[in-house]
Amino acid sequence: RTIARLLVYSASRLSRVSLQHSSTTGFACCEHRRGVPQNIGEAARYYRLAAEQGLADAQFNYGVFCDRGRGLPQNFGEAARYFRLAAEQGNVASQLNLGLLLLEETDAGSMLPAAPGEAARFLAQAAQ
């Protein structure tokens, strides 16, 4: 636990290489690897720390956690925000997920207004 906290401290204050450690720690917490017990809430926290620093893979992973409500309350608006950040960096999975999220109707439970034009743009980017 102490090592994990040190990784978070490093990730929030040091170079992009340290951000990879935070993202890796998030993965380890999620998947029960590298001797770290599975803790989905902690995984979400680590992914968010790396996502806030601009790491596209972490932005995608945190978006998935928000979209599915893994380790935190489900929040489609937050999912779309992080998918968009990663999609703008060329993350194909985020482009696809954001496109699909923007296709859903508000009354279907997404709480986001449907934006078919914008959805088509991200889906086209993902297809390339």
N, C-alpha and C. Protein backbone atom coordinates (compact mmCIF):
# COMPACT_ATOMS: atom_id res chain seq x y z
N ARG A 1 0.83 -1.19 0.00
CA ARG A 1 0.00 0.00 0.00
C ARG A 1 0.87 1.26 0.00
N THR A 2 1.95 1.24 0.77
CA THR A 2 2.85 2.37 0.82
C THR A 2 3.49 2.61 -0.54
N ILE A 3 3.87 1.53 -1.22
CA ILE A 3 4.47 1.66 -2.55
C ILE A 3 3.47 2.28 -3.51
N ALA A 4 2.22 1.84 -3.44
CA ALA A 4 1.20 2.39 -4.33
C ALA A 4 1.01 3.88 -4.08
N ARG A 5 1.02 4.30 -2.82
CA ARG A 5 0.88 5.73 -2.51
C ARG A 5 2.07 6.53 -3.04
N LEU A 6 3.25 5.96 -2.95
CA LEU A 6 4.43 6.64 -3.50
C LEU A 6 4.32 6.79 -5.02
N LEU A 7 3.77 5.77 -5.67
CA LEU A 7 3.58 5.87 -7.12
C LEU A 7 2.62 7.00 -7.47
N VAL A 8 1.55 7.13 -6.71
CA VAL A 8 0.59 8.20 -6.96
C VAL A 8 1.25 9.55 -6.74
N TYR A 9 2.01 9.68 -5.67
CA TYR A 9 2.72 10.93 -5.39
C TYR A 9 3.65 11.27 -6.54
N SER A 10 4.41 10.29 -7.00
CA SER A 10 5.33 10.50 -8.11
C SER A 10 4.59 10.87 -9.38
N ALA A 11 3.50 10.18 -9.64
CA ALA A 11 2.75 10.42 -10.87
C ALA A 11 2.19 11.82 -10.91
N SER A 12 1.82 12.37 -9.77
CA SER A 12 1.21 13.68 -9.77
C SER A 12 2.24 14.81 -9.81
N ARG A 13 3.51 14.49 -9.58
CA ARG A 13 4.50 15.56 -9.49
C ARG A 13 5.70 15.42 -10.42
N LEU A 14 5.89 14.28 -11.01
CA LEU A 14 7.09 14.08 -11.80
C LEU A 14 6.79 13.95 -13.29
N SER A 15 7.69 13.34 -14.02
CA SER A 15 7.62 13.26 -15.48
C SER A 15 6.54 12.33 -15.99
N ARG A 16 6.36 12.32 -17.31
CA ARG A 16 5.38 11.46 -17.97
C ARG A 16 5.68 9.98 -17.70
N VAL A 17 6.93 9.63 -17.50
CA VAL A 17 7.27 8.25 -17.17
C VAL A 17 6.60 7.85 -15.86
N SER A 18 6.56 8.75 -14.90
CA SER A 18 5.89 8.47 -13.64
C SER A 18 4.39 8.29 -13.85
N LEU A 19 3.83 8.98 -14.82
CA LEU A 19 2.40 8.80 -15.12
C LEU A 19 2.12 7.38 -15.55
N GLN A 20 3.06 6.79 -16.28
CA GLN A 20 2.90 5.40 -16.68
C GLN A 20 2.81 4.51 -15.44
N HIS A 21 3.57 4.83 -14.39
CA HIS A 21 3.51 4.05 -13.16
C HIS A 21 2.12 4.13 -12.54
N SER A 22 1.52 5.32 -12.53
CA SER A 22 0.18 5.47 -11.98
C SER A 22 -0.82 4.66 -12.78
N SER A 23 -0.71 4.72 -14.11
CA SER A 23 -1.61 3.96 -14.96
C SER A 23 -1.39 2.46 -14.76
N THR A 24 -0.14 2.06 -14.65
CA THR A 24 0.19 0.65 -14.42
C THR A 24 -0.34 0.19 -13.07
N THR A 25 -0.24 1.04 -12.06
CA THR A 25 -0.77 0.70 -10.75
C THR A 25 -2.28 0.56 -10.81
N GLY A 26 -2.93 1.44 -11.57
CA GLY A 26 -4.38 1.32 -11.77
C GLY A 26 -4.73 -0.01 -12.39
N PHE A 27 -3.97 -0.41 -13.39
CA PHE A 27 -4.19 -1.70 -14.05
C PHE A 27 -3.97 -2.84 -13.06
N ALA A 28 -2.91 -2.75 -12.29
CA ALA A 28 -2.62 -3.80 -11.32
C ALA A 28 -3.73 -3.93 -10.28
N CYS A 29 -4.26 -2.79 -9.81
CA CYS A 29 -5.35 -2.83 -8.84
C CYS A 29 -6.60 -3.45 -9.45
N CYS A 30 -6.81 -3.18 -10.71
CA CYS A 30 -8.01 -3.67 -11.39
C CYS A 30 -7.91 -5.16 -11.68
N GLU A 31 -6.77 -5.61 -12.11
CA GLU A 31 -6.62 -6.97 -12.60
C GLU A 31 -5.96 -7.92 -11.60
N HIS A 32 -5.63 -7.44 -10.40
CA HIS A 32 -4.98 -8.26 -9.37
C HIS A 32 -3.67 -8.85 -9.90
N ARG A 33 -2.80 -7.96 -10.29
CA ARG A 33 -1.49 -8.38 -10.80
C ARG A 33 -0.39 -7.71 -10.01
N ARG A 34 0.79 -8.24 -10.17
CA ARG A 34 2.00 -7.67 -9.55
C ARG A 34 1.89 -7.59 -8.04
N GLY A 35 1.16 -8.54 -7.46
CA GLY A 35 1.08 -8.60 -6.02
C GLY A 35 0.15 -7.58 -5.39
N VAL A 36 -0.59 -6.83 -6.19
CA VAL A 36 -1.51 -5.81 -5.67
C VAL A 36 -2.90 -6.43 -5.61
N PRO A 37 -3.55 -6.43 -4.44
CA PRO A 37 -4.90 -6.99 -4.36
C PRO A 37 -5.87 -6.19 -5.23
N GLN A 38 -6.85 -6.89 -5.79
CA GLN A 38 -7.82 -6.23 -6.65
C GLN A 38 -8.65 -5.23 -5.85
N ASN A 39 -8.73 -4.00 -6.34
CA ASN A 39 -9.51 -2.95 -5.70
C ASN A 39 -9.95 -2.00 -6.81
N ILE A 40 -11.16 -2.17 -7.29
CA ILE A 40 -11.64 -1.41 -8.44
C ILE A 40 -11.71 0.09 -8.12
N GLY A 41 -12.10 0.45 -6.91
CA GLY A 41 -12.14 1.86 -6.52
C GLY A 41 -10.77 2.51 -6.58
N GLU A 42 -9.76 1.80 -6.09
CA GLU A 42 -8.39 2.33 -6.15
C GLU A 42 -7.91 2.40 -7.60
N ALA A 43 -8.27 1.41 -8.40
CA ALA A 43 -7.89 1.43 -9.82
C ALA A 43 -8.45 2.67 -10.48
N ALA A 44 -9.71 2.98 -10.22
CA ALA A 44 -10.34 4.18 -10.80
C ALA A 44 -9.58 5.43 -10.38
N ARG A 45 -9.19 5.49 -9.12
CA ARG A 45 -8.47 6.66 -8.61
C ARG A 45 -7.12 6.82 -9.31
N TYR A 46 -6.38 5.72 -9.46
CA TYR A 46 -5.08 5.80 -10.12
C TYR A 46 -5.23 6.19 -11.59
N TYR A 47 -6.21 5.61 -12.26
CA TYR A 47 -6.43 5.97 -13.67
C TYR A 47 -6.78 7.45 -13.79
N ARG A 48 -7.60 7.94 -12.87
CA ARG A 48 -7.97 9.36 -12.95
C ARG A 48 -6.75 10.26 -12.76
N LEU A 49 -5.88 9.90 -11.82
CA LEU A 49 -4.67 10.71 -11.62
C LEU A 49 -3.85 10.80 -12.91
N ALA A 50 -3.65 9.68 -13.56
CA ALA A 50 -2.89 9.68 -14.81
C ALA A 50 -3.67 10.37 -15.91
N ALA A 51 -4.99 10.19 -15.94
CA ALA A 51 -5.83 10.81 -16.97
C ALA A 51 -5.79 12.32 -16.87
N GLU A 52 -5.82 12.84 -15.66
CA GLU A 52 -5.79 14.28 -15.47
C GLU A 52 -4.48 14.91 -15.94
N GLN A 53 -3.45 14.09 -16.06
CA GLN A 53 -2.17 14.58 -16.54
C GLN A 53 -1.99 14.39 -18.04
N GLY A 54 -3.03 13.89 -18.71
CA GLY A 54 -3.00 13.82 -20.17
C GLY A 54 -2.62 12.49 -20.78
N LEU A 55 -2.53 11.42 -20.01
CA LEU A 55 -2.16 10.12 -20.55
C LEU A 55 -3.38 9.49 -21.21
N ALA A 56 -3.33 9.36 -22.54
CA ALA A 56 -4.51 8.93 -23.32
C ALA A 56 -5.03 7.56 -22.89
N ASP A 57 -4.17 6.61 -22.65
CA ASP A 57 -4.63 5.28 -22.24
C ASP A 57 -5.37 5.34 -20.91
N ALA A 58 -4.88 6.15 -19.99
CA ALA A 58 -5.54 6.30 -18.70
C ALA A 58 -6.87 7.04 -18.87
N GLN A 59 -6.91 8.02 -19.78
CA GLN A 59 -8.17 8.71 -20.05
C GLN A 59 -9.22 7.74 -20.57
N PHE A 60 -8.80 6.86 -21.48
CA PHE A 60 -9.71 5.84 -21.99
C PHE A 60 -10.18 4.94 -20.85
N ASN A 61 -9.25 4.41 -20.06
CA ASN A 61 -9.61 3.50 -18.98
C ASN A 61 -10.53 4.16 -17.97
N TYR A 62 -10.25 5.41 -17.61
CA TYR A 62 -11.12 6.10 -16.66
C TYR A 62 -12.50 6.34 -17.28
N GLY A 63 -12.52 6.64 -18.57
CA GLY A 63 -13.81 6.78 -19.26
C GLY A 63 -14.64 5.51 -19.20
N VAL A 64 -13.98 4.37 -19.37
CA VAL A 64 -14.69 3.08 -19.28
C VAL A 64 -15.24 2.89 -17.86
N PHE A 65 -14.45 3.22 -16.85
CA PHE A 65 -14.92 3.09 -15.47
C PHE A 65 -16.14 3.97 -15.24
N CYS A 66 -16.12 5.19 -15.76
CA CYS A 66 -17.27 6.10 -15.61
C CYS A 66 -18.48 5.58 -16.38
N ASP A 67 -18.26 5.09 -17.57
CA ASP A 67 -19.33 4.60 -18.43
C ASP A 67 -20.03 3.40 -17.80
N ARG A 68 -19.26 2.53 -17.20
CA ARG A 68 -19.82 1.28 -16.65
C ARG A 68 -20.10 1.35 -15.16
N GLY A 69 -19.67 2.42 -14.51
CA GLY A 69 -19.86 2.52 -13.06
C GLY A 69 -19.00 1.56 -12.29
N ARG A 70 -17.75 1.38 -12.73
CA ARG A 70 -16.82 0.47 -12.05
C ARG A 70 -15.99 1.26 -11.04
N GLY A 71 -16.22 0.99 -9.77
CA GLY A 71 -15.44 1.63 -8.73
C GLY A 71 -15.86 3.04 -8.40
N LEU A 72 -16.88 3.55 -9.07
CA LEU A 72 -17.41 4.88 -8.85
C LEU A 72 -18.82 4.93 -9.45
N PRO A 73 -19.62 5.92 -9.10
CA PRO A 73 -20.97 5.99 -9.67
C PRO A 73 -20.93 6.17 -11.20
N GLN A 74 -21.86 5.53 -11.88
CA GLN A 74 -21.94 5.64 -13.33
C GLN A 74 -22.21 7.10 -13.70
N ASN A 75 -21.43 7.61 -14.67
CA ASN A 75 -21.57 9.01 -15.07
C ASN A 75 -21.21 9.12 -16.55
N PHE A 76 -22.25 9.18 -17.40
CA PHE A 76 -22.01 9.20 -18.84
C PHE A 76 -21.37 10.51 -19.30
N GLY A 77 -21.69 11.60 -18.64
CA GLY A 77 -21.07 12.88 -19.00
C GLY A 77 -19.57 12.86 -18.75
N GLU A 78 -19.18 12.31 -17.62
CA GLU A 78 -17.75 12.20 -17.29
C GLU A 78 -17.07 11.21 -18.23
N ALA A 79 -17.76 10.13 -18.56
CA ALA A 79 -17.21 9.16 -19.51
C ALA A 79 -16.94 9.84 -20.85
N ALA A 80 -17.91 10.60 -21.33
CA ALA A 80 -17.76 11.30 -22.61
C ALA A 80 -16.59 12.29 -22.55
N ARG A 81 -16.45 12.98 -21.43
CA ARG A 81 -15.36 13.95 -21.28
C ARG A 81 -13.99 13.27 -21.43
N TYR A 82 -13.80 12.16 -20.73
CA TYR A 82 -12.50 11.49 -20.79
C TYR A 82 -12.29 10.75 -22.11
N PHE A 83 -13.36 10.18 -22.68
CA PHE A 83 -13.23 9.58 -24.01
C PHE A 83 -12.83 10.65 -25.02
N ARG A 84 -13.42 11.84 -24.91
CA ARG A 84 -13.10 12.93 -25.85
C ARG A 84 -11.63 13.33 -25.73
N LEU A 85 -11.15 13.48 -24.50
CA LEU A 85 -9.74 13.85 -24.30
C LEU A 85 -8.81 12.84 -24.96
N ALA A 86 -9.08 11.56 -24.77
CA ALA A 86 -8.24 10.52 -25.36
C ALA A 86 -8.44 10.44 -26.87
N ALA A 87 -9.68 10.61 -27.33
CA ALA A 87 -9.99 10.55 -28.77
C ALA A 87 -9.23 11.64 -29.52
N GLU A 88 -9.15 12.81 -28.92
CA GLU A 88 -8.43 13.92 -29.56
C GLU A 88 -6.94 13.67 -29.65
N GLN A 89 -6.44 12.71 -28.88
CA GLN A 89 -5.03 12.31 -28.96
C GLN A 89 -4.85 11.10 -29.88
N GLY A 90 -5.94 10.68 -30.53
CA GLY A 90 -5.85 9.59 -31.49
C GLY A 90 -6.14 8.21 -30.92
N ASN A 91 -6.64 8.12 -29.71
CA ASN A 91 -6.95 6.83 -29.11
C ASN A 91 -8.20 6.26 -29.79
N VAL A 92 -8.01 5.21 -30.58
CA VAL A 92 -9.08 4.65 -31.41
C VAL A 92 -10.23 4.10 -30.57
N ALA A 93 -9.92 3.41 -29.50
CA ALA A 93 -10.98 2.86 -28.65
C ALA A 93 -11.85 3.97 -28.07
N SER A 94 -11.24 5.09 -27.73
CA SER A 94 -12.00 6.24 -27.21
C SER A 94 -12.85 6.87 -28.30
N GLN A 95 -12.31 6.94 -29.51
CA GLN A 95 -13.10 7.47 -30.62
C GLN A 95 -14.35 6.63 -30.83
N LEU A 96 -14.18 5.32 -30.80
CA LEU A 96 -15.32 4.41 -30.98
C LEU A 96 -16.32 4.55 -29.83
N ASN A 97 -15.84 4.50 -28.60
CA ASN A 97 -16.75 4.59 -27.45
C ASN A 97 -17.46 5.93 -27.39
N LEU A 98 -16.77 7.01 -27.69
CA LEU A 98 -17.40 8.32 -27.68
C LEU A 98 -18.45 8.40 -28.78
N GLY A 99 -18.11 7.90 -29.97
CA GLY A 99 -19.08 7.90 -31.06
C GLY A 99 -20.34 7.15 -30.69
N LEU A 100 -20.18 5.98 -30.09
CA LEU A 100 -21.35 5.18 -29.69
C LEU A 100 -22.14 5.86 -28.58
N LEU A 101 -21.44 6.48 -27.64
CA LEU A 101 -22.11 7.18 -26.54
C LEU A 101 -22.93 8.36 -27.06
N LEU A 102 -22.39 9.06 -28.07
CA LEU A 102 -23.09 10.22 -28.63
C LEU A 102 -24.27 9.83 -29.51
N LEU A 103 -24.34 8.57 -29.91
CA LEU A 103 -25.48 8.10 -30.69
C LEU A 103 -26.70 7.80 -29.83
N GLU A 104 -26.48 7.51 -28.56
CA GLU A 104 -27.57 7.13 -27.68
C GLU A 104 -28.49 8.31 -27.43
N GLU A 105 -29.76 8.02 -27.32
CA GLU A 105 -30.75 9.05 -27.01
C GLU A 105 -30.74 9.37 -25.53
N THR A 106 -31.07 10.60 -25.18
CA THR A 106 -31.12 11.00 -23.78
C THR A 106 -32.09 10.13 -23.00
N ASP A 107 -33.26 9.83 -23.57
CA ASP A 107 -34.26 9.06 -22.83
C ASP A 107 -33.87 7.59 -22.69
N ALA A 108 -32.80 7.17 -23.34
CA ALA A 108 -32.32 5.80 -23.19
C ALA A 108 -31.45 5.66 -21.94
N GLY A 109 -31.27 6.77 -21.22
CA GLY A 109 -30.53 6.70 -19.97
C GLY A 109 -29.14 7.28 -20.01
N SER A 110 -28.68 7.77 -21.16
CA SER A 110 -27.31 8.26 -21.22
C SER A 110 -27.17 9.63 -20.57
N MET A 111 -28.26 10.38 -20.47
CA MET A 111 -28.26 11.72 -19.90
C MET A 111 -27.42 12.70 -20.71
N LEU A 112 -27.06 12.32 -21.90
CA LEU A 112 -26.37 13.20 -22.84
C LEU A 112 -27.29 13.40 -24.03
N PRO A 113 -27.35 14.60 -24.57
CA PRO A 113 -28.15 14.76 -25.79
C PRO A 113 -27.49 14.00 -26.94
N ALA A 114 -28.31 13.34 -27.72
CA ALA A 114 -27.78 12.63 -28.89
C ALA A 114 -27.15 13.64 -29.83
N ALA A 115 -26.03 13.31 -30.40
CA ALA A 115 -25.31 14.20 -31.33
C ALA A 115 -24.84 13.36 -32.50
N PRO A 116 -25.75 12.99 -33.42
CA PRO A 116 -25.39 12.06 -34.49
C PRO A 116 -24.28 12.57 -35.40
N GLY A 117 -24.23 13.87 -35.67
CA GLY A 117 -23.17 14.41 -36.52
C GLY A 117 -21.80 14.26 -35.89
N GLU A 118 -21.72 14.61 -34.63
CA GLU A 118 -20.45 14.47 -33.91
C GLU A 118 -20.10 12.99 -33.72
N ALA A 119 -21.10 12.17 -33.47
CA ALA A 119 -20.87 10.74 -33.33
C ALA A 119 -20.29 10.17 -34.62
N ALA A 120 -20.84 10.58 -35.75
CA ALA A 120 -20.36 10.08 -37.05
C ALA A 120 -18.89 10.46 -37.26
N ARG A 121 -18.52 11.66 -36.83
CA ARG A 121 -17.13 12.12 -37.00
C ARG A 121 -16.17 11.23 -36.20
N PHE A 122 -16.51 10.94 -34.95
CA PHE A 122 -15.62 10.11 -34.14
C PHE A 122 -15.61 8.66 -34.62
N LEU A 123 -16.75 8.16 -35.06
CA LEU A 123 -16.80 6.79 -35.57
C LEU A 123 -15.98 6.67 -36.86
N ALA A 124 -16.03 7.69 -37.70
CA ALA A 124 -15.22 7.69 -38.93
C ALA A 124 -13.73 7.71 -38.60
N GLN A 125 -13.35 8.50 -37.60
CA GLN A 125 -11.94 8.55 -37.19
C GLN A 125 -11.49 7.18 -36.69
N ALA A 126 -12.36 6.52 -35.93
CA ALA A 126 -12.02 5.21 -35.37
C ALA A 126 -11.87 4.18 -36.49
N ALA A 127 -12.63 4.33 -37.55
CA ALA A 127 -12.61 3.36 -38.64
C ALA A 127 -11.36 3.48 -39.51
N GLN A 128 -10.70 4.63 -39.47
CA GLN A 128 -9.53 4.84 -40.33
C GLN A 128 -8.32 4.10 -39.87
